[in-house]
Amino acid sequence: MNWYRISTGQFGYPQPEDTYLEETYDLAAGCPTCGIGKALRNAFRFRSEPKAKHSQFLGLNWVFDEVFVRDAVKHVFEEQGVTGVAFTRPVRHSTGEPLETVYHLRVSVILPPALRPDQLDTETCEMPKDPATVKFLTANSSRLVRGPFCGAVKFNYPQENDGQITMPASAFVSAPDIVRMNEWFGSGGSAGRPVLVSQRVKDIVDRMKWRGLMFSPIEIVNE
């Protein structure tokens, strides 16, 4: 069976913009500099109901590994028995009340370590070595030069015409329809675990002609 990494367009910013990380995540679970290891703690806060009414899948700026869906997606996924997900409401920042038009697609199943990293660029959580970069980041009071540095490695998301995410078929044995990778991806202070979906999920999305979700094929190899 084919698998795909999914991504969405970004509509708006998590709230409050200056402290959404502290408000939304348990940062003590990971590195405060690179973001690797952070754990979701509270509901995402939106400024208002998303206005992209023709998109059934949405994302927030700065948050690349979380997906938000319209009610119709929840209904069909539950009706079709899509596995590996739960649905919770984000909240309006000004009131703390649940939003009425979107759900957070909560993905909790994490695959075992399986990435074949040969084609992907990496970066290590450490003090930048380029003096010009250090000068720029220091002038902007970036945490990327304040540390602490955990030394962990994350992968850069492959861009068009770049290397592909490659994984063995064995990683998906008994996996539900929607999962997270074990490995962390991102750049700078951003880190997340990519969400992968099965061919069955893609078929449902294509059949319903839903908008807002992009699929990047995973290269699956036999061991």
N, C-alpha and C. Protein backbone atom coordinates (compact mmCIF):
# COMPACT_ATOMS: atom_id res chain seq x y z
N MET A 1 0.84 -1.20 0.00
CA MET A 1 0.00 0.00 0.00
C MET A 1 0.87 1.25 0.00
N ASN A 2 0.43 2.27 -0.71
CA ASN A 2 1.16 3.53 -0.77
C ASN A 2 0.87 4.37 0.47
N TRP A 3 1.87 5.18 0.85
CA TRP A 3 1.73 6.12 1.96
C TRP A 3 2.20 7.50 1.50
N TYR A 4 1.67 8.53 2.17
CA TYR A 4 1.93 9.92 1.77
C TYR A 4 2.15 10.79 2.99
N ARG A 5 3.08 11.72 2.86
CA ARG A 5 3.20 12.80 3.86
C ARG A 5 2.20 13.88 3.47
N ILE A 6 1.46 14.39 4.44
CA ILE A 6 0.46 15.41 4.12
C ILE A 6 0.89 16.77 4.65
N SER A 7 0.45 17.80 3.95
CA SER A 7 0.68 19.18 4.37
C SER A 7 -0.51 20.02 3.93
N THR A 8 -0.65 21.19 4.52
CA THR A 8 -1.78 22.07 4.23
C THR A 8 -1.28 23.48 3.95
N GLY A 9 -2.19 24.30 3.46
CA GLY A 9 -1.92 25.73 3.44
C GLY A 9 -2.04 26.28 4.85
N GLN A 10 -1.44 27.45 5.08
CA GLN A 10 -1.49 28.06 6.41
C GLN A 10 -2.42 29.27 6.40
N PHE A 11 -3.31 29.30 7.39
CA PHE A 11 -4.29 30.38 7.49
C PHE A 11 -4.24 30.95 8.90
N GLY A 12 -3.65 32.12 9.06
CA GLY A 12 -3.57 32.74 10.36
C GLY A 12 -2.43 32.18 11.20
N TYR A 13 -2.35 32.67 12.43
CA TYR A 13 -1.25 32.33 13.32
C TYR A 13 -1.79 31.79 14.64
N PRO A 14 -1.06 30.87 15.26
CA PRO A 14 -1.47 30.41 16.59
C PRO A 14 -1.41 31.56 17.57
N GLN A 15 -2.30 31.56 18.52
CA GLN A 15 -2.39 32.64 19.50
C GLN A 15 -1.99 32.14 20.89
N PRO A 16 -1.46 33.04 21.73
CA PRO A 16 -0.96 34.37 21.39
C PRO A 16 0.36 34.26 20.63
N GLU A 17 0.55 35.09 19.62
CA GLU A 17 1.67 34.91 18.70
C GLU A 17 3.02 34.91 19.41
N ASP A 18 3.19 35.74 20.42
CA ASP A 18 4.49 35.84 21.08
C ASP A 18 4.79 34.66 22.00
N THR A 19 3.75 34.02 22.50
CA THR A 19 3.97 32.96 23.50
C THR A 19 3.16 31.70 23.21
N TYR A 20 2.80 31.48 21.94
CA TYR A 20 1.96 30.31 21.65
C TYR A 20 2.67 29.00 21.97
N LEU A 21 4.00 28.97 21.85
CA LEU A 21 4.73 27.74 22.17
C LEU A 21 4.53 27.37 23.64
N GLU A 22 4.75 28.35 24.52
CA GLU A 22 4.60 28.10 25.95
C GLU A 22 3.15 27.79 26.32
N GLU A 23 2.19 28.41 25.62
CA GLU A 23 0.78 28.21 25.93
C GLU A 23 0.27 26.86 25.43
N THR A 24 0.86 26.35 24.35
CA THR A 24 0.31 25.18 23.68
C THR A 24 1.07 23.89 23.97
N TYR A 25 2.39 24.01 24.18
CA TYR A 25 3.24 22.82 24.31
C TYR A 25 3.86 22.72 25.71
N ASP A 26 4.22 21.52 26.06
CA ASP A 26 5.08 21.28 27.22
C ASP A 26 6.51 21.33 26.71
N LEU A 27 7.16 22.47 26.85
CA LEU A 27 8.49 22.65 26.31
C LEU A 27 9.54 21.94 27.17
N ALA A 28 9.19 21.65 28.42
CA ALA A 28 10.14 20.94 29.28
C ALA A 28 10.38 19.52 28.79
N ALA A 29 9.48 19.03 27.94
CA ALA A 29 9.65 17.68 27.41
C ALA A 29 10.69 17.61 26.31
N GLY A 30 11.14 18.77 25.81
CA GLY A 30 12.09 18.78 24.70
C GLY A 30 13.09 19.90 24.83
N CYS A 31 13.70 20.23 23.70
CA CYS A 31 14.74 21.26 23.66
C CYS A 31 14.11 22.63 23.42
N PRO A 32 14.34 23.62 24.27
CA PRO A 32 13.75 24.94 24.08
C PRO A 32 14.35 25.71 22.92
N THR A 33 15.49 25.22 22.40
CA THR A 33 16.15 25.93 21.31
C THR A 33 15.68 25.42 19.95
N CYS A 34 15.78 24.12 19.71
CA CYS A 34 15.43 23.58 18.38
C CYS A 34 14.01 23.05 18.31
N GLY A 35 13.37 22.82 19.45
CA GLY A 35 11.99 22.34 19.45
C GLY A 35 11.82 20.84 19.42
N ILE A 36 12.90 20.09 19.24
CA ILE A 36 12.79 18.64 19.20
C ILE A 36 12.34 18.13 20.57
N GLY A 37 11.31 17.28 20.58
CA GLY A 37 10.84 16.68 21.82
C GLY A 37 9.68 17.38 22.48
N LYS A 38 9.31 18.58 22.01
CA LYS A 38 8.19 19.27 22.64
C LYS A 38 6.92 18.44 22.49
N ALA A 39 6.04 18.54 23.48
CA ALA A 39 4.82 17.73 23.51
C ALA A 39 3.60 18.63 23.60
N LEU A 40 2.58 18.31 22.82
CA LEU A 40 1.34 19.09 22.84
C LEU A 40 0.67 18.96 24.21
N ARG A 41 0.27 20.10 24.77
CA ARG A 41 -0.29 20.11 26.11
C ARG A 41 -1.71 20.67 26.14
N ASN A 42 -1.94 21.78 25.45
CA ASN A 42 -3.23 22.45 25.46
C ASN A 42 -3.78 22.60 24.05
N ALA A 43 -5.05 22.95 23.96
CA ALA A 43 -5.68 23.16 22.66
C ALA A 43 -5.05 24.36 21.96
N PHE A 44 -4.95 24.27 20.64
CA PHE A 44 -4.49 25.43 19.87
C PHE A 44 -5.52 26.54 19.98
N ARG A 45 -5.00 27.76 20.01
CA ARG A 45 -5.85 28.94 20.13
C ARG A 45 -5.83 29.70 18.81
N PHE A 46 -7.00 29.98 18.26
CA PHE A 46 -7.16 30.74 17.02
C PHE A 46 -7.65 32.14 17.37
N ARG A 47 -7.31 33.09 16.51
CA ARG A 47 -7.85 34.44 16.70
C ARG A 47 -9.35 34.45 16.44
N SER A 48 -9.80 33.70 15.41
CA SER A 48 -11.22 33.66 15.07
C SER A 48 -11.48 32.41 14.25
N GLU A 49 -12.72 32.20 13.88
CA GLU A 49 -13.04 31.07 13.00
C GLU A 49 -12.30 31.24 11.67
N PRO A 50 -11.67 30.17 11.16
CA PRO A 50 -10.95 30.29 9.87
C PRO A 50 -11.89 30.71 8.75
N LYS A 51 -11.39 31.60 7.90
CA LYS A 51 -12.23 32.15 6.83
C LYS A 51 -12.12 31.40 5.51
N ALA A 52 -11.19 30.47 5.40
CA ALA A 52 -11.01 29.72 4.15
C ALA A 52 -12.13 28.68 4.02
N LYS A 53 -13.33 29.14 3.66
CA LYS A 53 -14.52 28.30 3.73
C LYS A 53 -14.51 27.16 2.72
N HIS A 54 -13.72 27.28 1.65
CA HIS A 54 -13.71 26.24 0.63
C HIS A 54 -12.62 25.20 0.88
N SER A 55 -11.86 25.36 1.95
CA SER A 55 -10.82 24.39 2.29
C SER A 55 -11.31 23.50 3.42
N GLN A 56 -11.28 22.20 3.17
CA GLN A 56 -11.68 21.26 4.22
C GLN A 56 -10.52 20.90 5.15
N PHE A 57 -9.30 21.20 4.71
CA PHE A 57 -8.11 20.98 5.52
C PHE A 57 -7.35 22.30 5.62
N LEU A 58 -6.91 22.63 6.84
CA LEU A 58 -6.24 23.91 7.07
C LEU A 58 -5.06 23.70 8.01
N GLY A 59 -4.14 24.68 7.97
CA GLY A 59 -3.04 24.68 8.91
C GLY A 59 -2.81 26.08 9.44
N LEU A 60 -1.96 26.19 10.44
CA LEU A 60 -1.56 27.47 11.01
C LEU A 60 -0.12 27.77 10.63
N ASN A 61 0.19 29.02 10.40
CA ASN A 61 1.57 29.41 10.19
C ASN A 61 2.42 29.00 11.39
N TRP A 62 3.67 28.65 11.12
CA TRP A 62 4.65 28.23 12.12
C TRP A 62 4.44 26.81 12.63
N VAL A 63 3.29 26.20 12.31
CA VAL A 63 2.98 24.86 12.84
C VAL A 63 2.82 23.94 11.63
N PHE A 64 3.83 23.12 11.34
CA PHE A 64 3.83 22.37 10.09
C PHE A 64 3.48 20.89 10.26
N ASP A 65 3.19 20.46 11.46
CA ASP A 65 2.88 19.04 11.66
C ASP A 65 1.52 18.84 12.33
N GLU A 66 0.66 19.84 12.24
CA GLU A 66 -0.69 19.72 12.77
C GLU A 66 -1.69 20.10 11.68
N VAL A 67 -2.82 19.38 11.64
CA VAL A 67 -3.83 19.58 10.61
C VAL A 67 -5.18 19.85 11.27
N PHE A 68 -5.91 20.78 10.70
CA PHE A 68 -7.25 21.12 11.19
C PHE A 68 -8.24 20.86 10.06
N VAL A 69 -9.43 20.36 10.41
CA VAL A 69 -10.37 19.91 9.39
C VAL A 69 -11.76 20.46 9.66
N ARG A 70 -12.55 20.53 8.61
CA ARG A 70 -13.95 20.92 8.73
C ARG A 70 -14.78 19.74 9.26
N ASP A 71 -15.98 20.06 9.70
CA ASP A 71 -16.85 19.04 10.28
C ASP A 71 -17.10 17.88 9.32
N ALA A 72 -17.20 18.18 8.02
CA ALA A 72 -17.49 17.13 7.04
C ALA A 72 -16.40 16.07 7.03
N VAL A 73 -15.15 16.47 7.21
CA VAL A 73 -14.05 15.51 7.24
C VAL A 73 -14.19 14.59 8.44
N LYS A 74 -14.46 15.16 9.59
CA LYS A 74 -14.68 14.34 10.79
C LYS A 74 -15.79 13.33 10.55
N HIS A 75 -16.89 13.78 10.01
CA HIS A 75 -18.04 12.91 9.81
C HIS A 75 -17.69 11.75 8.88
N VAL A 76 -17.07 12.03 7.76
CA VAL A 76 -16.76 10.98 6.78
C VAL A 76 -15.67 10.06 7.30
N PHE A 77 -14.63 10.61 7.91
CA PHE A 77 -13.57 9.75 8.45
C PHE A 77 -14.15 8.78 9.49
N GLU A 78 -15.02 9.28 10.34
CA GLU A 78 -15.62 8.39 11.35
C GLU A 78 -16.55 7.38 10.69
N GLU A 79 -17.30 7.80 9.71
CA GLU A 79 -18.23 6.91 9.01
C GLU A 79 -17.47 5.81 8.27
N GLN A 80 -16.31 6.16 7.71
CA GLN A 80 -15.51 5.21 6.94
C GLN A 80 -14.55 4.41 7.81
N GLY A 81 -14.51 4.70 9.10
CA GLY A 81 -13.66 3.93 10.00
C GLY A 81 -12.18 4.21 9.85
N VAL A 82 -11.83 5.43 9.49
CA VAL A 82 -10.41 5.80 9.40
C VAL A 82 -9.80 5.69 10.80
N THR A 83 -8.67 5.01 10.89
CA THR A 83 -8.07 4.73 12.20
C THR A 83 -6.83 5.60 12.46
N GLY A 84 -6.51 5.76 13.75
CA GLY A 84 -5.31 6.48 14.15
C GLY A 84 -5.52 7.94 14.49
N VAL A 85 -6.77 8.40 14.52
CA VAL A 85 -7.03 9.82 14.77
C VAL A 85 -8.15 10.01 15.79
N ALA A 86 -8.11 11.17 16.42
CA ALA A 86 -9.21 11.66 17.26
C ALA A 86 -9.44 13.11 16.88
N PHE A 87 -10.55 13.66 17.28
CA PHE A 87 -10.90 15.02 16.89
C PHE A 87 -11.24 15.84 18.14
N THR A 88 -10.59 17.00 18.26
CA THR A 88 -10.90 17.92 19.35
C THR A 88 -11.04 19.32 18.78
N ARG A 89 -11.73 20.17 19.52
CA ARG A 89 -11.95 21.53 19.04
C ARG A 89 -10.80 22.45 19.49
N PRO A 90 -10.21 23.22 18.56
CA PRO A 90 -9.38 24.35 19.00
C PRO A 90 -10.28 25.39 19.67
N VAL A 91 -9.67 26.42 20.25
CA VAL A 91 -10.48 27.42 20.95
C VAL A 91 -10.20 28.81 20.42
N ARG A 92 -11.16 29.69 20.63
CA ARG A 92 -10.98 31.11 20.29
C ARG A 92 -10.15 31.75 21.40
N HIS A 93 -9.10 32.45 21.02
CA HIS A 93 -8.16 32.97 22.01
C HIS A 93 -8.81 33.96 22.96
N SER A 94 -9.67 34.82 22.46
CA SER A 94 -10.23 35.89 23.29
C SER A 94 -11.18 35.38 24.36
N THR A 95 -11.80 34.22 24.13
CA THR A 95 -12.81 33.73 25.07
C THR A 95 -12.51 32.36 25.66
N GLY A 96 -11.65 31.58 24.99
CA GLY A 96 -11.39 30.22 25.43
C GLY A 96 -12.49 29.25 25.06
N GLU A 97 -13.51 29.72 24.31
CA GLU A 97 -14.61 28.86 23.89
C GLU A 97 -14.22 28.04 22.66
N PRO A 98 -14.71 26.80 22.54
CA PRO A 98 -14.38 25.98 21.37
C PRO A 98 -14.85 26.63 20.07
N LEU A 99 -14.06 26.48 19.01
CA LEU A 99 -14.49 26.93 17.70
C LEU A 99 -15.64 26.06 17.20
N GLU A 100 -16.42 26.59 16.28
CA GLU A 100 -17.60 25.89 15.81
C GLU A 100 -17.43 25.28 14.43
N THR A 101 -16.37 25.65 13.69
CA THR A 101 -16.30 25.24 12.28
C THR A 101 -15.11 24.34 11.96
N VAL A 102 -14.21 24.10 12.91
CA VAL A 102 -13.06 23.24 12.62
C VAL A 102 -12.75 22.34 13.81
N TYR A 103 -12.13 21.21 13.48
CA TYR A 103 -11.59 20.30 14.48
C TYR A 103 -10.09 20.18 14.28
N HIS A 104 -9.40 19.86 15.36
CA HIS A 104 -7.98 19.51 15.30
C HIS A 104 -7.90 18.00 15.06
N LEU A 105 -7.19 17.60 14.01
CA LEU A 105 -6.98 16.19 13.70
C LEU A 105 -5.83 15.69 14.57
N ARG A 106 -6.16 15.00 15.63
CA ARG A 106 -5.15 14.58 16.61
C ARG A 106 -4.58 13.21 16.24
N VAL A 107 -3.28 13.18 16.00
CA VAL A 107 -2.60 11.96 15.58
C VAL A 107 -1.61 11.57 16.68
N SER A 108 -1.83 10.43 17.31
CA SER A 108 -1.01 10.06 18.45
C SER A 108 -0.13 8.84 18.21
N VAL A 109 -0.40 8.06 17.16
CA VAL A 109 0.39 6.86 16.90
C VAL A 109 1.70 7.26 16.21
N ILE A 110 2.81 6.89 16.82
CA ILE A 110 4.14 7.23 16.29
C ILE A 110 4.81 5.94 15.81
N LEU A 111 5.27 5.96 14.57
CA LEU A 111 5.95 4.80 14.01
C LEU A 111 7.27 4.56 14.71
N PRO A 112 7.82 3.36 14.63
CA PRO A 112 9.17 3.12 15.13
C PRO A 112 10.19 3.85 14.25
N PRO A 113 11.40 4.10 14.75
CA PRO A 113 12.43 4.72 13.90
C PRO A 113 12.63 3.90 12.63
N ALA A 114 12.50 4.55 11.47
CA ALA A 114 12.56 3.79 10.23
C ALA A 114 13.09 4.57 9.04
N LEU A 115 13.28 5.87 9.19
CA LEU A 115 13.67 6.70 8.06
C LEU A 115 15.00 6.28 7.47
N ARG A 116 15.05 6.22 6.14
CA ARG A 116 16.32 6.06 5.43
C ARG A 116 16.78 7.48 5.05
N PRO A 117 17.78 8.02 5.74
CA PRO A 117 18.05 9.46 5.63
C PRO A 117 19.00 9.89 4.52
N ASP A 118 19.42 8.98 3.66
CA ASP A 118 20.50 9.28 2.73
C ASP A 118 20.25 10.50 1.85
N GLN A 119 18.98 10.72 1.45
CA GLN A 119 18.69 11.78 0.48
C GLN A 119 18.34 13.12 1.13
N LEU A 120 18.33 13.19 2.44
CA LEU A 120 17.80 14.37 3.12
C LEU A 120 18.90 15.19 3.77
N ASP A 121 18.72 16.51 3.76
CA ASP A 121 19.63 17.41 4.48
C ASP A 121 19.27 17.39 5.97
N THR A 122 20.26 17.60 6.80
CA THR A 122 20.05 17.62 8.24
C THR A 122 20.62 18.89 8.85
N GLU A 123 20.21 19.17 10.09
CA GLU A 123 20.86 20.23 10.86
C GLU A 123 20.91 19.80 12.32
N THR A 124 21.95 20.23 12.97
CA THR A 124 22.20 19.84 14.35
C THR A 124 21.94 21.03 15.27
N CYS A 125 21.37 20.76 16.41
CA CYS A 125 21.12 21.81 17.40
C CYS A 125 22.44 22.17 18.08
N GLU A 126 23.07 23.23 17.60
CA GLU A 126 24.36 23.68 18.11
C GLU A 126 24.54 25.15 17.76
N MET A 127 25.51 25.79 18.36
CA MET A 127 25.80 27.18 18.03
C MET A 127 26.18 27.29 16.55
N PRO A 128 25.52 28.18 15.80
CA PRO A 128 25.89 28.33 14.38
C PRO A 128 27.37 28.65 14.22
N LYS A 129 27.96 28.11 13.17
CA LYS A 129 29.39 28.28 12.94
C LYS A 129 29.71 29.48 12.06
N ASP A 130 28.75 29.96 11.29
CA ASP A 130 28.99 31.08 10.38
C ASP A 130 28.90 32.40 11.16
N PRO A 131 29.97 33.18 11.21
CA PRO A 131 29.95 34.44 11.98
C PRO A 131 28.84 35.40 11.54
N ALA A 132 28.59 35.47 10.23
CA ALA A 132 27.54 36.37 9.76
C ALA A 132 26.17 35.94 10.27
N THR A 133 25.95 34.62 10.32
CA THR A 133 24.68 34.10 10.83
C THR A 133 24.55 34.41 12.32
N VAL A 134 25.63 34.23 13.06
CA VAL A 134 25.61 34.53 14.50
C VAL A 134 25.30 36.01 14.74
N LYS A 135 25.92 36.87 13.94
CA LYS A 135 25.70 38.31 14.09
C LYS A 135 24.24 38.67 13.82
N PHE A 136 23.68 38.08 12.76
CA PHE A 136 22.28 38.36 12.40
C PHE A 136 21.33 37.87 13.49
N LEU A 137 21.54 36.65 13.94
CA LEU A 137 20.65 36.08 14.95
C LEU A 137 20.76 36.81 16.29
N THR A 138 21.97 37.22 16.64
CA THR A 138 22.17 37.97 17.87
C THR A 138 21.45 39.31 17.83
N ALA A 139 21.52 39.97 16.67
CA ALA A 139 20.86 41.27 16.52
C ALA A 139 19.35 41.14 16.66
N ASN A 140 18.83 39.95 16.35
CA ASN A 140 17.39 39.71 16.43
C ASN A 140 16.99 38.99 17.72
N SER A 141 17.93 38.91 18.67
CA SER A 141 17.68 38.27 19.97
C SER A 141 17.12 36.86 19.81
N SER A 142 17.64 36.13 18.82
CA SER A 142 17.14 34.79 18.55
C SER A 142 17.62 33.79 19.59
N ARG A 143 16.73 32.88 19.97
CA ARG A 143 17.12 31.82 20.89
C ARG A 143 18.10 30.84 20.25
N LEU A 144 18.27 30.92 18.93
CA LEU A 144 19.17 30.00 18.22
C LEU A 144 20.63 30.28 18.51
N VAL A 145 20.92 31.42 19.17
CA VAL A 145 22.30 31.68 19.60
C VAL A 145 22.40 31.77 21.13
N ARG A 146 21.25 31.71 21.81
CA ARG A 146 21.27 31.75 23.27
C ARG A 146 21.46 30.37 23.88
N GLY A 147 20.96 29.34 23.15
CA GLY A 147 21.01 28.01 23.70
C GLY A 147 19.97 27.82 24.80
N PRO A 148 20.02 26.69 25.50
CA PRO A 148 21.02 25.62 25.41
C PRO A 148 20.89 24.83 24.11
N PHE A 149 21.95 24.09 23.77
CA PHE A 149 21.97 23.30 22.55
C PHE A 149 22.00 21.82 22.92
N CYS A 150 21.04 21.06 22.37
CA CYS A 150 20.90 19.66 22.77
C CYS A 150 21.72 18.71 21.92
N GLY A 151 22.21 19.19 20.76
CA GLY A 151 23.01 18.34 19.89
C GLY A 151 22.21 17.36 19.06
N ALA A 152 20.88 17.40 19.15
CA ALA A 152 20.06 16.47 18.37
C ALA A 152 20.00 16.90 16.90
N VAL A 153 19.69 15.93 16.06
CA VAL A 153 19.65 16.15 14.61
C VAL A 153 18.20 16.07 14.13
N LYS A 154 17.81 17.03 13.30
CA LYS A 154 16.53 16.93 12.62
C LYS A 154 16.74 17.05 11.12
N PHE A 155 15.74 16.65 10.38
CA PHE A 155 15.83 16.61 8.93
C PHE A 155 15.08 17.78 8.33
N ASN A 156 15.61 18.34 7.25
CA ASN A 156 14.89 19.37 6.52
C ASN A 156 13.83 18.71 5.64
N TYR A 157 12.65 19.32 5.58
CA TYR A 157 11.61 18.79 4.70
C TYR A 157 12.12 18.82 3.25
N PRO A 158 11.97 17.73 2.52
CA PRO A 158 12.39 17.75 1.11
C PRO A 158 11.55 18.72 0.31
N GLN A 159 12.20 19.50 -0.53
CA GLN A 159 11.51 20.43 -1.40
C GLN A 159 11.32 19.79 -2.77
N GLU A 160 10.59 20.48 -3.63
CA GLU A 160 10.35 19.95 -4.98
C GLU A 160 11.68 19.67 -5.68
N ASN A 161 11.78 18.50 -6.28
CA ASN A 161 12.98 18.03 -7.00
C ASN A 161 14.12 17.67 -6.06
N ASP A 162 13.90 17.71 -4.75
CA ASP A 162 14.91 17.26 -3.80
C ASP A 162 14.72 15.78 -3.49
N GLY A 163 15.47 15.29 -2.52
CA GLY A 163 15.35 13.91 -2.11
C GLY A 163 13.98 13.60 -1.54
N GLN A 164 13.63 12.34 -1.55
CA GLN A 164 12.33 11.89 -1.09
C GLN A 164 12.47 11.20 0.26
N ILE A 165 11.42 11.23 1.06
CA ILE A 165 11.41 10.46 2.30
C ILE A 165 11.28 8.99 1.94
N THR A 166 12.24 8.20 2.42
CA THR A 166 12.29 6.77 2.11
C THR A 166 12.19 5.97 3.40
N MET A 167 11.32 4.95 3.40
CA MET A 167 11.10 4.14 4.59
C MET A 167 10.88 2.69 4.17
N PRO A 168 11.21 1.73 5.04
CA PRO A 168 10.96 0.32 4.72
C PRO A 168 9.49 -0.03 4.90
N ALA A 169 9.03 -1.01 4.13
CA ALA A 169 7.65 -1.45 4.21
C ALA A 169 7.31 -1.98 5.60
N SER A 170 8.30 -2.53 6.28
CA SER A 170 8.04 -3.11 7.60
C SER A 170 7.58 -2.09 8.62
N ALA A 171 7.89 -0.80 8.41
CA ALA A 171 7.49 0.24 9.36
C ALA A 171 5.98 0.39 9.42
N PHE A 172 5.28 -0.05 8.37
CA PHE A 172 3.84 0.19 8.29
C PHE A 172 3.01 -1.06 8.60
N VAL A 173 3.66 -2.13 8.98
CA VAL A 173 2.94 -3.34 9.33
C VAL A 173 2.05 -3.06 10.56
N SER A 174 0.78 -3.33 10.44
CA SER A 174 -0.21 -3.13 11.51
C SER A 174 -0.41 -1.66 11.86
N ALA A 175 0.06 -0.74 11.03
CA ALA A 175 -0.13 0.70 11.31
C ALA A 175 -1.56 1.11 11.01
N PRO A 176 -2.12 2.05 11.78
CA PRO A 176 -3.44 2.59 11.44
C PRO A 176 -3.34 3.45 10.18
N ASP A 177 -4.47 4.04 9.79
CA ASP A 177 -4.50 4.80 8.53
C ASP A 177 -3.74 6.11 8.59
N ILE A 178 -3.59 6.69 9.78
CA ILE A 178 -2.90 7.97 9.93
C ILE A 178 -1.92 7.85 11.08
N VAL A 179 -0.67 8.22 10.83
CA VAL A 179 0.40 8.05 11.82
C VAL A 179 1.35 9.24 11.77
N ARG A 180 2.24 9.28 12.75
CA ARG A 180 3.35 10.23 12.74
C ARG A 180 4.65 9.46 12.55
N MET A 181 5.59 10.12 11.90
CA MET A 181 6.94 9.57 11.83
C MET A 181 7.60 9.69 13.20
N ASN A 182 8.57 8.87 13.46
CA ASN A 182 9.33 8.93 14.70
C ASN A 182 10.34 10.07 14.65
N GLU A 183 10.86 10.34 13.46
CA GLU A 183 11.93 11.32 13.29
C GLU A 183 11.37 12.75 13.25
N TRP A 184 12.21 13.69 13.66
CA TRP A 184 11.83 15.11 13.70
C TRP A 184 12.33 15.83 12.46
N PHE A 185 11.48 16.72 11.94
CA PHE A 185 11.79 17.51 10.75
C PHE A 185 11.60 18.99 11.08
N GLY A 186 12.28 19.84 10.33
CA GLY A 186 12.11 21.27 10.50
C GLY A 186 13.40 22.02 10.25
N SER A 187 13.41 23.28 10.66
CA SER A 187 14.58 24.13 10.48
C SER A 187 14.59 25.20 11.55
N GLY A 188 15.78 25.57 12.01
CA GLY A 188 15.88 26.60 13.03
C GLY A 188 15.21 26.17 14.31
N GLY A 189 14.28 26.99 14.81
CA GLY A 189 13.58 26.68 16.04
C GLY A 189 12.30 25.88 15.84
N SER A 190 12.03 25.49 14.59
CA SER A 190 10.81 24.74 14.28
C SER A 190 11.12 23.26 14.17
N ALA A 191 10.33 22.43 14.82
CA ALA A 191 10.52 20.98 14.74
C ALA A 191 9.18 20.29 14.89
N GLY A 192 8.95 19.26 14.10
CA GLY A 192 7.72 18.49 14.20
C GLY A 192 7.91 17.11 13.62
N ARG A 193 6.97 16.25 13.93
CA ARG A 193 6.97 14.89 13.37
C ARG A 193 5.93 14.84 12.25
N PRO A 194 6.36 14.59 11.01
CA PRO A 194 5.43 14.60 9.88
C PRO A 194 4.29 13.61 10.04
N VAL A 195 3.13 13.98 9.52
CA VAL A 195 1.95 13.12 9.52
C VAL A 195 1.88 12.38 8.19
N LEU A 196 1.69 11.06 8.25
CA LEU A 196 1.59 10.22 7.07
C LEU A 196 0.19 9.59 7.01
N VAL A 197 -0.32 9.45 5.80
CA VAL A 197 -1.63 8.81 5.62
C VAL A 197 -1.52 7.69 4.60
N SER A 198 -2.40 6.71 4.73
CA SER A 198 -2.43 5.57 3.83
C SER A 198 -3.11 5.93 2.52
N GLN A 199 -2.98 5.02 1.56
CA GLN A 199 -3.66 5.21 0.27
C GLN A 199 -5.16 5.30 0.47
N ARG A 200 -5.69 4.58 1.44
CA ARG A 200 -7.14 4.61 1.68
C ARG A 200 -7.61 6.01 2.05
N VAL A 201 -6.83 6.71 2.87
CA VAL A 201 -7.20 8.08 3.24
C VAL A 201 -7.14 8.99 2.01
N LYS A 202 -6.09 8.85 1.22
CA LYS A 202 -5.99 9.68 0.00
C LYS A 202 -7.17 9.41 -0.93
N ASP A 203 -7.56 8.15 -1.05
CA ASP A 203 -8.69 7.82 -1.92
C ASP A 203 -9.97 8.50 -1.43
N ILE A 204 -10.18 8.52 -0.13
CA ILE A 204 -11.36 9.18 0.42
C ILE A 204 -11.33 10.67 0.10
N VAL A 205 -10.19 11.31 0.34
CA VAL A 205 -10.06 12.75 0.08
C VAL A 205 -10.29 13.06 -1.39
N ASP A 206 -9.71 12.23 -2.28
CA ASP A 206 -9.89 12.45 -3.72
C ASP A 206 -11.34 12.24 -4.13
N ARG A 207 -11.97 11.21 -3.59
CA ARG A 207 -13.35 10.91 -3.95
C ARG A 207 -14.30 12.03 -3.51
N MET A 208 -14.03 12.60 -2.35
CA MET A 208 -14.87 13.68 -1.83
C MET A 208 -14.55 15.03 -2.46
N LYS A 209 -13.44 15.08 -3.20
CA LYS A 209 -12.98 16.31 -3.86
C LYS A 209 -12.76 17.44 -2.85
N TRP A 210 -12.22 17.04 -1.68
CA TRP A 210 -11.90 18.03 -0.66
C TRP A 210 -10.67 18.82 -1.05
N ARG A 211 -10.62 20.04 -0.56
CA ARG A 211 -9.51 20.95 -0.87
C ARG A 211 -8.65 21.18 0.37
N GLY A 212 -7.42 21.58 0.10
CA GLY A 212 -6.55 22.05 1.18
C GLY A 212 -5.50 21.08 1.64
N LEU A 213 -5.51 19.84 1.13
CA LEU A 213 -4.54 18.85 1.58
C LEU A 213 -3.63 18.47 0.42
N MET A 214 -2.33 18.49 0.69
CA MET A 214 -1.33 18.13 -0.32
C MET A 214 -0.65 16.83 0.09
N PHE A 215 -0.40 15.98 -0.89
CA PHE A 215 0.17 14.65 -0.66
C PHE A 215 1.54 14.54 -1.30
N SER A 216 2.52 14.14 -0.53
CA SER A 216 3.87 13.88 -1.03
C SER A 216 4.15 12.39 -0.85
N PRO A 217 4.35 11.64 -1.93
CA PRO A 217 4.53 10.18 -1.79
C PRO A 217 5.76 9.82 -0.96
N ILE A 218 5.60 8.80 -0.15
CA ILE A 218 6.73 8.20 0.56
C ILE A 218 7.30 7.08 -0.31
N GLU A 219 8.61 7.05 -0.46
CA GLU A 219 9.24 5.94 -1.17
C GLU A 219 9.37 4.77 -0.21
N ILE A 220 8.68 3.68 -0.52
CA ILE A 220 8.69 2.52 0.36
C ILE A 220 9.54 1.42 -0.29
N VAL A 221 10.48 0.91 0.48
CA VAL A 221 11.40 -0.11 -0.03
C VAL A 221 11.24 -1.38 0.79
N ASN A 222 11.46 -2.51 0.12
CA ASN A 222 11.43 -3.80 0.80
C ASN A 222 12.83 -4.12 1.33
N GLU A 223 12.87 -4.62 2.53
CA GLU A 223 14.16 -4.93 3.16
C GLU A 223 14.71 -6.24 2.63
